[in-house]
Amino acid sequence: MSQAITGGSMVQIAVCLGVTAAIALVTWLTIRRDRHDGSDKDVYLAGNKLSWLFVAGAITLTNLSTDQLVGMNGNQMLLLAWWEISGFVGLLILAYVFVPIYYRARVTTVTELLEQRYNGGGIRTLVSALFLFGMVLIYLPAGLYSGALFLKTAGIDFDLRVLAGVLGLIAAAYTMAGGLRAVAVMETYSGIGVLAIAVLVVVLALNAVDWDIARGVPAERLTMVGAADSPIPFHTLFTGMIFIQIFYWSTNQPITQKAMAAPSVKEAQKGVLAAAVVRILIIPAIVVIPGVVAFQLFGDIDDAAYGRLVGEVLPPWLSGVFAAAIAAAVIAHTAAVMNAAVGLYAVDFHDKFIRKVSDHRQLSRTVTAILTVTSVALVPVFDNAKSIINLLQQLNGLSSMPILSAFIVGLLFTGVESRAAIVGVVWGFALYALYSFVLEPGGMIGLHYIDFMVVTLVTSVIAALAFNRLALGGRVRFAPREVFAQLARPRPEEEVFT
């Protein structure tokens, strides 16, 4: 610890531990009678037994971790609400376009769909590797870092690595003990608490500034029309933003995994739509208003804004409850990403290249332990980031648009070989890496990273189609209706998993 623990901190810690234990108890009472067979669908899709409520709760909290609460409020401007508003559209696309496709294909991982469409495993292996790259090196350590930072700035003053280690260990315990089912149940219960107190924070924060959010705040922090040099220039809402949302909500394993865990298409769609309602009605306010109020009260303090504001407006016992809810959110988010990462490794790599997995629960425990150690070890890497959310969005471009290009080509065209799709993905990854680490740090092209994601996506699709025609001699046909009719054709009784 950097300083002695105060009486208020002791109250926070005690309440935090108590609420965390209560969430664990309620989760255990819910899942204690579950039967497990050790199959991939048991561990990674909760045996296809998630009701719409748990689908909605799991999707909401997998996304709404401290990356959003700390990172978006850390920008201290209303503009960042566009990420959540546009997410509503992404969830609608997941519900009505991709959910029927995934259920028709009967897949455990989204990458299995790519193998089916291209009739080859190479693209599946590459995309899975990119997903794992992002989860292991970016999302897991960044989530633990932002969660630890919140707890520290809210008054639980331990070293960041210690806090991250505790959060990681608890997340690993959930993943090892109950697979996706335990994670989803815990996400739902803790999510109710997170949303309720997050709304209360907004109310108390506005009350602290007499409901005058604009007083003393520069206009650029209040506008919803971003300038060219802002984190979200307004025109990017109509360029790269929509493709970012399609990738994140519809092809991203940690999210789509929750939708694929329901017993039927209709149940999954109900859960996704419920998550969309929460997304549009609640999330935008709780991820930006506290940050702007913090600017009024404390000035420009970046990612420390949310934790400091919570410590200011909530009494110690209630801030302890919120600290516990946030800790649960971090734990749930981390456990969800871990479970998705383990699923990708087990199904796409271990099963295919090492040996057939006889007990996925046992393999999950081993891989989860390894991921926990690496995630905590990488936490200090994010300590120097000015804005954790902007950093994550930029790094996300390395894999998001190249991966999305493989889905676009596979779902809109016929006659494309797996090797061509691989060329498109590799092209996109290399192009965006060149932009991020060579060209744009020196301002050589002056193109916003959201705009450049469109360039990456379009040229990746072109590269795949061109290679397929020129190098492989394949005949490509644009046939989205044919593909979607084949994949999403309803099968009345067969759509329910048994």
Protein backbone atom coordinates (compact mmCIF):
# COMPACT_ATOMS: atom_id res chain seq x y z
CA MET A 1 0.00 0.00 0.00
CA SER A 2 1.09 3.54 -0.70
CA GLN A 3 -0.36 4.89 2.54
CA ALA A 4 -2.09 3.82 5.72
CA ILE A 5 -5.65 2.60 5.40
CA THR A 6 -8.15 5.12 6.79
CA GLY A 7 -11.35 4.33 8.64
CA GLY A 8 -13.35 5.13 5.49
CA SER A 9 -11.18 2.77 3.50
CA MET A 10 -11.76 0.02 6.05
CA VAL A 11 -15.51 0.50 5.70
CA GLN A 12 -15.20 0.37 1.91
CA ILE A 13 -13.09 -2.78 2.01
CA ALA A 14 -15.41 -4.52 4.47
CA VAL A 15 -18.56 -3.67 2.50
CA CYS A 16 -16.84 -4.56 -0.79
CA LEU A 17 -15.84 -7.98 0.51
CA GLY A 18 -19.29 -8.59 1.95
CA VAL A 19 -21.17 -7.74 -1.24
CA THR A 20 -18.69 -9.72 -3.36
CA ALA A 21 -19.29 -12.75 -1.15
CA ALA A 22 -23.06 -12.26 -1.39
CA ILE A 23 -22.95 -12.22 -5.20
CA ALA A 24 -20.86 -15.39 -5.15
CA LEU A 25 -23.37 -17.06 -2.82
CA VAL A 26 -26.40 -16.13 -4.94
CA THR A 27 -24.60 -17.33 -8.06
CA TRP A 28 -23.78 -20.66 -6.41
CA LEU A 29 -27.38 -21.11 -5.25
CA THR A 30 -28.55 -20.57 -8.84
CA ILE A 31 -26.15 -23.01 -10.50
CA ARG A 32 -25.58 -25.61 -7.78
CA ARG A 33 -27.92 -28.18 -9.32
CA ASP A 34 -26.48 -27.85 -12.84
CA ARG A 35 -25.31 -31.08 -14.47
CA HIS A 36 -22.05 -31.00 -16.43
CA ASP A 37 -20.78 -33.41 -19.06
CA GLY A 38 -17.46 -31.71 -19.86
CA SER A 39 -18.36 -31.09 -23.52
CA ASP A 40 -17.45 -27.93 -25.38
CA LYS A 41 -21.06 -26.73 -25.43
CA ASP A 42 -21.38 -27.42 -21.69
CA VAL A 43 -18.31 -25.34 -20.76
CA TYR A 44 -18.35 -22.61 -23.43
CA LEU A 45 -22.08 -22.32 -24.28
CA ALA A 46 -23.57 -23.12 -20.85
CA GLY A 47 -25.16 -26.25 -22.29
CA ASN A 48 -27.46 -23.97 -24.37
CA LYS A 49 -29.55 -23.36 -21.25
CA LEU A 50 -29.30 -19.60 -20.74
CA SER A 51 -32.67 -17.86 -20.56
CA TRP A 52 -33.10 -14.48 -22.25
CA LEU A 53 -32.53 -12.68 -18.93
CA PHE A 54 -29.09 -14.19 -18.45
CA VAL A 55 -28.24 -13.65 -22.12
CA ALA A 56 -29.08 -9.96 -21.72
CA GLY A 57 -27.22 -9.64 -18.43
CA ALA A 58 -24.15 -11.44 -19.70
CA ILE A 59 -23.94 -9.39 -22.91
CA THR A 60 -24.42 -6.13 -21.02
CA LEU A 61 -21.78 -6.77 -18.39
CA THR A 62 -19.27 -8.39 -20.73
CA ASN A 63 -19.24 -5.02 -22.46
CA LEU A 64 -19.88 -2.73 -19.47
CA SER A 65 -16.77 -3.19 -17.43
CA THR A 66 -14.39 -0.55 -16.18
CA ASP A 67 -13.09 -0.15 -19.74
CA GLN A 68 -16.32 1.80 -20.31
CA LEU A 69 -17.01 3.35 -16.91
CA VAL A 70 -13.42 4.39 -16.24
CA GLY A 71 -12.22 4.83 -19.82
CA MET A 72 -15.14 6.75 -21.30
CA ASN A 73 -15.66 8.96 -18.26
CA GLY A 74 -11.90 9.49 -18.35
CA ASN A 75 -12.30 11.44 -21.59
CA GLN A 76 -14.51 13.85 -19.62
CA MET A 77 -16.69 14.76 -22.60
CA LEU A 78 -20.21 13.89 -23.77
CA LEU A 79 -18.98 12.92 -27.22
CA LEU A 80 -17.94 9.43 -26.13
CA ALA A 81 -21.61 8.49 -25.69
CA TRP A 82 -21.67 7.78 -29.44
CA TRP A 83 -19.85 4.49 -28.82
CA GLU A 84 -22.82 3.26 -26.77
CA ILE A 85 -25.56 4.84 -28.89
CA SER A 86 -24.20 3.22 -32.04
CA GLY A 87 -23.87 -0.05 -30.11
CA PHE A 88 -27.68 -0.21 -30.14
CA VAL A 89 -27.53 -0.63 -33.93
CA GLY A 90 -24.85 -3.28 -33.58
CA LEU A 91 -27.05 -5.32 -31.23
CA LEU A 92 -30.00 -5.14 -33.64
CA ILE A 93 -27.78 -6.52 -36.39
CA LEU A 94 -26.66 -9.32 -34.06
CA ALA A 95 -30.27 -10.21 -33.19
CA TYR A 96 -31.78 -10.23 -36.66
CA VAL A 97 -28.88 -11.12 -38.94
CA PHE A 98 -26.21 -13.11 -37.12
CA VAL A 99 -28.10 -15.00 -34.39
CA PRO A 100 -30.12 -17.05 -36.95
CA ILE A 101 -26.92 -17.74 -38.89
CA TYR A 102 -24.98 -18.99 -35.86
CA TYR A 103 -27.84 -21.22 -34.69
CA ARG A 104 -28.33 -22.65 -38.17
CA ALA A 105 -24.60 -23.42 -38.38
CA ARG A 106 -24.60 -25.09 -34.91
CA VAL A 107 -21.22 -23.63 -33.98
CA THR A 108 -19.44 -23.22 -30.64
CA THR A 109 -17.07 -20.50 -31.86
CA VAL A 110 -17.70 -17.86 -34.53
CA THR A 111 -14.59 -19.06 -36.32
CA GLU A 112 -16.27 -22.40 -37.04
CA LEU A 113 -18.69 -20.50 -39.27
CA LEU A 114 -15.75 -19.26 -41.35
CA GLU A 115 -14.50 -22.80 -41.84
CA GLN A 116 -17.96 -23.84 -43.03
CA ARG A 117 -18.26 -20.95 -45.48
CA TYR A 118 -14.78 -21.31 -46.98
CA ASN A 119 -14.64 -25.10 -46.73
CA GLY A 120 -11.17 -24.84 -45.27
CA GLY A 121 -9.64 -24.58 -41.81
CA GLY A 122 -6.80 -22.15 -42.50
CA ILE A 123 -8.91 -19.01 -42.19
CA ARG A 124 -10.51 -20.34 -39.02
CA THR A 125 -7.11 -20.89 -37.42
CA LEU A 126 -5.81 -17.45 -38.41
CA VAL A 127 -8.87 -15.55 -37.19
CA SER A 128 -8.92 -17.52 -33.95
CA ALA A 129 -5.25 -16.64 -33.41
CA LEU A 130 -6.04 -12.95 -33.92
CA PHE A 131 -8.91 -13.15 -31.43
CA LEU A 132 -6.61 -14.79 -28.89
CA PHE A 133 -3.94 -12.17 -29.57
CA GLY A 134 -6.40 -9.39 -28.70
CA MET A 135 -7.84 -11.12 -25.64
CA VAL A 136 -4.58 -12.22 -24.06
CA LEU A 137 -2.44 -9.16 -24.81
CA ILE A 138 -5.04 -6.37 -24.75
CA TYR A 139 -8.51 -7.01 -23.32
CA LEU A 140 -7.70 -9.15 -20.27
CA PRO A 141 -4.85 -7.00 -18.87
CA ALA A 142 -6.59 -3.72 -19.83
CA GLY A 143 -9.77 -4.79 -18.03
CA LEU A 144 -7.86 -5.74 -14.89
CA TYR A 145 -5.87 -2.50 -15.04
CA SER A 146 -8.91 -0.23 -15.37
CA GLY A 147 -10.72 -2.14 -12.60
CA ALA A 148 -7.76 -1.88 -10.27
CA LEU A 149 -7.40 1.81 -11.10
CA PHE A 150 -11.04 2.46 -10.23
CA LEU A 151 -10.77 0.68 -6.88
CA LYS A 152 -7.57 2.55 -6.06
CA THR A 153 -8.89 6.00 -6.95
CA ALA A 154 -12.18 5.27 -5.16
CA GLY A 155 -10.28 4.81 -1.89
CA ILE A 156 -9.07 1.19 -1.69
CA ASP A 157 -5.44 2.24 -1.78
CA PHE A 158 -3.46 -0.89 -2.59
CA ASP A 159 -0.86 -1.32 -5.31
CA LEU A 160 -2.47 -1.70 -8.76
CA ARG A 161 -0.84 -5.08 -9.33
CA VAL A 162 -2.18 -6.41 -6.04
CA LEU A 163 -5.72 -5.28 -6.82
CA ALA A 164 -5.47 -6.65 -10.38
CA GLY A 165 -4.16 -9.95 -9.02
CA VAL A 166 -7.08 -10.35 -6.61
CA LEU A 167 -9.62 -9.55 -9.33
CA GLY A 168 -7.94 -11.95 -11.74
CA LEU A 169 -7.86 -14.80 -9.23
CA ILE A 170 -11.57 -14.47 -8.43
CA ALA A 171 -12.43 -14.33 -12.14
CA ALA A 172 -10.38 -17.45 -12.72
CA ALA A 173 -12.25 -19.22 -9.91
CA TYR A 174 -15.62 -18.54 -11.59
CA THR A 175 -14.31 -19.69 -14.97
CA MET A 176 -12.85 -22.88 -13.52
CA ALA A 177 -15.82 -23.71 -11.32
CA GLY A 178 -18.83 -23.27 -13.57
CA GLY A 179 -17.84 -22.32 -17.09
CA LEU A 180 -20.01 -19.88 -19.03
CA ARG A 181 -23.13 -20.67 -16.99
CA ALA A 182 -21.53 -19.44 -13.74
CA VAL A 183 -20.06 -16.42 -15.49
CA ALA A 184 -23.37 -15.41 -17.09
CA VAL A 185 -25.34 -15.77 -13.85
CA MET A 186 -22.79 -13.75 -11.92
CA GLU A 187 -22.70 -11.10 -14.66
CA THR A 188 -26.47 -10.71 -14.49
CA TYR A 189 -26.70 -10.40 -10.71
CA SER A 190 -23.77 -8.02 -10.42
CA GLY A 191 -24.97 -6.11 -13.49
CA ILE A 192 -28.23 -5.19 -11.76
CA GLY A 193 -26.22 -3.66 -8.93
CA VAL A 194 -23.77 -1.91 -11.24
CA LEU A 195 -26.49 -0.27 -13.32
CA ALA A 196 -28.55 0.79 -10.29
CA ILE A 197 -25.66 2.46 -8.48
CA ALA A 198 -24.19 3.88 -11.69
CA VAL A 199 -27.50 5.69 -12.29
CA LEU A 200 -27.41 6.88 -8.66
CA VAL A 201 -23.89 8.23 -9.24
CA VAL A 202 -25.19 10.24 -12.21
CA VAL A 203 -28.00 11.71 -10.07
CA LEU A 204 -25.70 12.55 -7.14
CA ALA A 205 -23.03 13.94 -9.46
CA LEU A 206 -25.52 16.29 -11.13
CA ASN A 207 -26.83 17.29 -7.72
CA ALA A 208 -23.28 18.15 -6.63
CA VAL A 209 -23.09 20.80 -9.40
CA ASP A 210 -26.71 21.98 -8.92
CA TRP A 211 -27.76 20.18 -12.10
CA ASP A 212 -25.76 22.64 -14.20
CA ILE A 213 -23.43 20.40 -16.16
CA ALA A 214 -22.27 23.22 -18.44
CA ARG A 215 -20.90 25.64 -15.86
CA GLY A 216 -17.18 26.19 -16.41
CA VAL A 217 -16.91 23.33 -18.91
CA PRO A 218 -15.45 24.10 -22.38
CA ALA A 219 -17.90 23.75 -25.25
CA GLU A 220 -15.87 20.97 -26.90
CA ARG A 221 -16.53 18.78 -23.86
CA LEU A 222 -20.30 19.27 -24.10
CA THR A 223 -20.93 18.96 -27.83
CA MET A 224 -22.17 15.81 -29.52
CA VAL A 225 -20.77 16.96 -32.87
CA GLY A 226 -17.10 16.05 -32.79
CA ALA A 227 -14.52 18.23 -34.48
CA ALA A 228 -11.89 16.78 -36.81
CA ASP A 229 -9.33 16.54 -33.99
CA SER A 230 -11.74 15.05 -31.43
CA PRO A 231 -11.84 11.37 -30.33
CA ILE A 232 -14.92 10.87 -32.55
CA PRO A 233 -15.16 13.31 -35.49
CA PHE A 234 -18.84 13.56 -36.43
CA HIS A 235 -18.41 12.21 -39.95
CA THR A 236 -16.90 8.97 -38.62
CA LEU A 237 -20.33 8.00 -37.29
CA PHE A 238 -21.20 7.33 -40.93
CA THR A 239 -17.91 5.72 -41.95
CA GLY A 240 -15.99 3.38 -39.67
CA MET A 241 -18.23 3.49 -36.59
CA ILE A 242 -20.90 1.18 -37.98
CA PHE A 243 -18.33 -1.42 -39.05
CA ILE A 244 -16.68 -1.30 -35.62
CA GLN A 245 -20.07 -2.02 -34.05
CA ILE A 246 -20.84 -4.88 -36.45
CA PHE A 247 -17.51 -6.49 -35.64
CA TYR A 248 -17.82 -6.03 -31.87
CA TRP A 249 -21.41 -7.14 -31.39
CA SER A 250 -21.86 -9.68 -34.19
CA THR A 251 -18.53 -11.43 -34.81
CA ASN A 252 -16.67 -10.99 -31.51
CA GLN A 253 -16.48 -14.29 -29.62
CA PRO A 254 -16.94 -13.00 -26.01
CA ILE A 255 -20.21 -11.29 -27.04
CA THR A 256 -21.68 -13.70 -29.59
CA GLN A 257 -20.88 -16.62 -27.29
CA LYS A 258 -23.59 -15.35 -24.90
CA ALA A 259 -26.18 -15.14 -27.67
CA MET A 260 -25.31 -18.67 -28.82
CA ALA A 261 -25.88 -20.05 -25.30
CA ALA A 262 -29.68 -19.80 -25.34
CA PRO A 263 -31.85 -22.84 -26.13
CA SER A 264 -33.36 -21.31 -29.29
CA VAL A 265 -33.11 -18.47 -31.78
CA LYS A 266 -36.14 -16.70 -30.30
CA GLU A 267 -34.80 -16.89 -26.74
CA ALA A 268 -31.43 -15.58 -27.90
CA GLN A 269 -33.05 -12.72 -29.80
CA LYS A 270 -35.12 -11.74 -26.75
CA GLY A 271 -31.93 -11.52 -24.70
CA VAL A 272 -30.05 -9.50 -27.32
CA LEU A 273 -32.96 -7.07 -27.72
CA ALA A 274 -33.22 -6.63 -23.95
CA ALA A 275 -29.50 -5.81 -23.91
CA ALA A 276 -30.12 -3.29 -26.72
CA VAL A 277 -32.83 -1.54 -24.68
CA VAL A 278 -30.46 -1.22 -21.72
CA ARG A 279 -27.77 0.00 -24.09
CA ILE A 280 -29.81 2.90 -25.46
CA LEU A 281 -31.71 3.94 -22.32
CA ILE A 282 -29.09 3.69 -19.56
CA ILE A 283 -25.52 3.18 -20.74
CA PRO A 284 -24.85 6.49 -22.59
CA ALA A 285 -25.61 8.60 -19.52
CA ILE A 286 -23.56 6.60 -17.03
CA VAL A 287 -20.42 6.55 -19.19
CA VAL A 288 -20.13 10.29 -19.89
CA ILE A 289 -22.03 12.50 -17.43
CA PRO A 290 -19.90 11.63 -14.37
CA GLY A 291 -16.75 12.42 -16.34
CA VAL A 292 -17.98 15.90 -17.30
CA VAL A 293 -19.03 16.60 -13.71
CA ALA A 294 -15.60 15.44 -12.56
CA PHE A 295 -14.08 18.04 -14.91
CA GLN A 296 -16.09 20.72 -13.13
CA LEU A 297 -15.02 19.54 -9.71
CA PHE A 298 -11.43 18.38 -10.21
CA GLY A 299 -10.28 19.54 -13.63
CA ASP A 300 -8.75 17.39 -16.36
CA ILE A 301 -7.71 14.20 -14.54
CA ASP A 302 -8.19 11.62 -17.32
CA ASP A 303 -8.93 8.03 -16.27
CA ALA A 304 -8.90 8.90 -12.55
CA ALA A 305 -12.11 10.95 -13.01
CA TYR A 306 -14.73 8.28 -12.35
CA GLY A 307 -13.18 6.71 -9.29
CA ARG A 308 -12.50 10.07 -7.69
CA LEU A 309 -16.04 11.30 -8.33
CA VAL A 310 -17.56 8.16 -6.84
CA GLY A 311 -15.39 8.61 -3.75
CA GLU A 312 -16.63 12.20 -3.52
CA VAL A 313 -20.40 11.85 -3.99
CA LEU A 314 -21.10 8.50 -2.32
CA PRO A 315 -20.89 7.89 1.46
CA PRO A 316 -18.22 5.32 2.45
CA TRP A 317 -20.63 2.44 2.99
CA LEU A 318 -22.36 3.02 -0.35
CA SER A 319 -19.11 3.59 -2.21
CA GLY A 320 -18.07 0.25 -0.74
CA VAL A 321 -21.18 -1.33 -2.29
CA PHE A 322 -20.35 0.26 -5.62
CA ALA A 323 -16.72 -0.81 -5.33
CA ALA A 324 -18.01 -4.35 -4.85
CA ALA A 325 -20.33 -4.01 -7.85
CA ILE A 326 -17.48 -2.68 -9.98
CA ALA A 327 -15.20 -5.43 -8.73
CA ALA A 328 -17.89 -7.94 -9.69
CA ALA A 329 -18.17 -6.30 -13.11
CA VAL A 330 -14.42 -6.58 -13.64
CA ILE A 331 -14.45 -10.15 -12.41
CA ALA A 332 -17.38 -11.04 -14.67
CA HIS A 333 -15.87 -9.29 -17.69
CA THR A 334 -12.51 -10.95 -17.11
CA ALA A 335 -14.11 -14.36 -16.56
CA ALA A 336 -16.20 -13.95 -19.73
CA VAL A 337 -13.19 -13.06 -21.88
CA MET A 338 -11.19 -15.88 -20.27
CA ASN A 339 -13.95 -18.37 -21.01
CA ALA A 340 -14.12 -17.19 -24.63
CA ALA A 341 -10.34 -17.35 -24.99
CA VAL A 342 -10.20 -20.83 -23.50
CA GLY A 343 -13.00 -21.92 -25.83
CA LEU A 344 -11.17 -20.64 -28.89
CA TYR A 345 -7.97 -22.35 -27.84
CA ALA A 346 -9.66 -25.64 -26.94
CA VAL A 347 -11.93 -25.96 -29.99
CA ASP A 348 -9.78 -24.29 -32.65
CA PHE A 349 -6.28 -25.36 -31.60
CA HIS A 350 -6.06 -28.09 -28.95
CA ASP A 351 -8.81 -30.19 -30.49
CA LYS A 352 -7.39 -29.83 -34.01
CA PHE A 353 -3.63 -29.82 -33.57
CA ILE A 354 -2.76 -31.52 -30.27
CA ARG A 355 -5.34 -34.12 -29.31
CA LYS A 356 -9.09 -34.52 -29.04
CA VAL A 357 -10.31 -32.96 -25.80
CA SER A 358 -12.08 -35.53 -23.66
CA ASP A 359 -12.89 -33.17 -20.76
CA HIS A 360 -13.17 -29.47 -21.59
CA ARG A 361 -13.68 -28.57 -17.93
CA GLN A 362 -10.25 -29.90 -17.00
CA LEU A 363 -8.56 -28.21 -19.97
CA SER A 364 -10.38 -24.99 -19.13
CA ARG A 365 -8.92 -24.97 -15.62
CA THR A 366 -5.36 -25.36 -16.89
CA VAL A 367 -5.58 -22.71 -19.61
CA THR A 368 -7.45 -20.30 -17.32
CA ALA A 369 -4.63 -20.49 -14.77
CA ILE A 370 -2.08 -19.62 -17.48
CA LEU A 371 -4.18 -16.70 -18.76
CA THR A 372 -4.58 -15.33 -15.25
CA VAL A 373 -0.83 -15.16 -14.71
CA THR A 374 -0.12 -13.53 -18.07
CA SER A 375 -2.96 -11.00 -17.69
CA VAL A 376 -1.81 -9.78 -14.29
CA ALA A 377 1.80 -9.64 -15.49
CA LEU A 378 0.79 -7.37 -18.40
CA VAL A 379 -1.22 -4.89 -16.28
CA PRO A 380 1.71 -2.40 -15.85
CA VAL A 381 1.93 -2.03 -19.65
CA PHE A 382 -1.26 0.06 -19.58
CA ASP A 383 -0.18 2.29 -16.70
CA ASN A 384 1.11 5.06 -18.98
CA ALA A 385 -1.95 5.27 -21.23
CA LYS A 386 -3.50 8.77 -21.26
CA SER A 387 -6.90 7.30 -22.17
CA ILE A 388 -7.49 3.59 -21.81
CA ILE A 389 -10.64 3.58 -23.98
CA ASN A 390 -9.04 5.45 -26.90
CA LEU A 391 -5.99 3.18 -26.72
CA LEU A 392 -8.20 0.07 -26.79
CA GLN A 393 -10.21 1.32 -29.76
CA GLN A 394 -7.06 2.08 -31.74
CA LEU A 395 -5.42 -1.26 -30.95
CA ASN A 396 -8.70 -2.98 -31.76
CA GLY A 397 -8.24 -1.98 -35.40
CA LEU A 398 -5.32 -4.38 -35.77
CA SER A 399 -7.68 -7.34 -35.76
CA SER A 400 -11.26 -6.05 -35.98
CA MET A 401 -11.44 -4.90 -39.60
CA PRO A 402 -9.29 -7.74 -41.02
CA ILE A 403 -11.50 -10.28 -39.22
CA LEU A 404 -14.68 -8.53 -40.34
CA SER A 405 -13.43 -8.68 -43.93
CA ALA A 406 -13.35 -12.50 -43.71
CA PHE A 407 -16.98 -12.55 -42.54
CA ILE A 408 -18.08 -10.10 -45.23
CA VAL A 409 -16.43 -12.05 -48.04
CA GLY A 410 -17.68 -15.38 -46.68
CA LEU A 411 -21.28 -14.22 -46.20
CA LEU A 412 -21.70 -12.10 -49.33
CA PHE A 413 -19.77 -14.08 -51.95
CA THR A 414 -19.53 -17.66 -53.15
CA GLY A 415 -16.52 -19.33 -54.74
CA VAL A 416 -13.85 -17.79 -52.48
CA GLU A 417 -11.13 -20.11 -51.15
CA SER A 418 -9.80 -20.09 -47.60
CA ARG A 419 -6.35 -19.06 -48.86
CA ALA A 420 -7.81 -15.92 -50.43
CA ALA A 421 -9.57 -14.96 -47.20
CA ILE A 422 -6.27 -15.43 -45.35
CA VAL A 423 -4.55 -13.03 -47.76
CA GLY A 424 -7.25 -10.44 -47.07
CA VAL A 425 -6.87 -10.74 -43.30
CA VAL A 426 -3.07 -10.61 -43.40
CA TRP A 427 -3.21 -7.58 -45.70
CA GLY A 428 -5.56 -5.75 -43.32
CA PHE A 429 -3.50 -6.55 -40.23
CA ALA A 430 -0.27 -5.38 -41.89
CA LEU A 431 -1.87 -2.23 -43.33
CA TYR A 432 -3.37 -1.14 -40.02
CA ALA A 433 -0.13 -1.90 -38.18
CA LEU A 434 1.73 0.28 -40.68
CA TYR A 435 -0.77 3.07 -40.10
CA SER A 436 -0.73 2.79 -36.30
CA PHE A 437 2.98 2.39 -35.62
CA VAL A 438 4.75 3.98 -38.60
CA LEU A 439 2.64 6.48 -40.54
CA GLU A 440 0.24 8.12 -38.12
CA PRO A 441 2.55 8.70 -35.11
CA GLY A 442 4.33 11.18 -37.36
CA GLY A 443 1.11 12.52 -38.84
CA MET A 444 2.13 11.47 -42.34
CA ILE A 445 -1.39 10.92 -43.69
CA GLY A 446 -3.59 12.77 -41.18
CA LEU A 447 -6.47 10.32 -41.40
CA HIS A 448 -8.44 9.54 -38.22
CA TYR A 449 -8.13 5.94 -37.10
CA ILE A 450 -11.90 5.35 -37.42
CA ASP A 451 -11.72 6.48 -41.05
CA PHE A 452 -8.67 4.33 -41.63
CA MET A 453 -10.60 1.31 -40.38
CA VAL A 454 -12.85 1.71 -43.44
CA VAL A 455 -9.77 1.82 -45.67
CA THR A 456 -8.49 -1.32 -43.96
CA LEU A 457 -11.79 -3.16 -44.33
CA VAL A 458 -12.42 -2.26 -47.98
CA THR A 459 -8.89 -3.03 -49.13
CA SER A 460 -8.90 -6.31 -47.20
CA VAL A 461 -12.04 -7.42 -49.03
CA ILE A 462 -10.54 -6.34 -52.36
CA ALA A 463 -7.27 -8.15 -51.59
CA ALA A 464 -9.13 -11.40 -50.85
CA LEU A 465 -11.27 -11.23 -53.98
CA ALA A 466 -8.34 -10.20 -56.19
CA PHE A 467 -6.09 -12.99 -54.92
CA ASN A 468 -8.87 -15.53 -55.37
CA ARG A 469 -9.34 -14.47 -59.01
CA LEU A 470 -5.81 -13.61 -60.13
CA ALA A 471 -3.69 -16.09 -58.17
CA LEU A 472 -6.08 -18.99 -57.64
CA GLY A 473 -8.20 -18.61 -60.75
CA GLY A 474 -11.44 -18.86 -58.82
CA ARG A 475 -14.76 -17.53 -60.03
CA VAL A 476 -16.42 -15.30 -57.45
CA ARG A 477 -20.11 -14.59 -57.38
CA PHE A 478 -21.87 -11.92 -55.32
CA ALA A 479 -24.76 -13.92 -53.85
CA PRO A 480 -25.78 -12.67 -50.38
CA ARG A 481 -29.40 -13.82 -50.74
CA GLU A 482 -28.34 -17.34 -51.58
CA VAL A 483 -25.88 -17.51 -48.68
CA PHE A 484 -28.29 -16.08 -46.11
CA ALA A 485 -31.17 -18.22 -47.30
CA GLN A 486 -29.02 -21.29 -46.83
CA LEU A 487 -27.66 -20.31 -43.41
CA ALA A 488 -30.73 -18.73 -41.83
CA ARG A 489 -33.47 -21.01 -43.17
CA PRO A 490 -35.74 -21.78 -40.18
CA ARG A 491 -36.11 -25.34 -38.98
CA PRO A 492 -39.12 -25.26 -36.60
CA GLU A 493 -38.34 -27.99 -34.10
CA GLU A 494 -34.67 -28.49 -34.84
CA GLU A 495 -33.74 -24.95 -33.81
CA VAL A 496 -34.19 -25.93 -30.15
CA PHE A 497 -31.09 -27.52 -28.71
CA THR A 498 -31.47 -30.82 -26.90
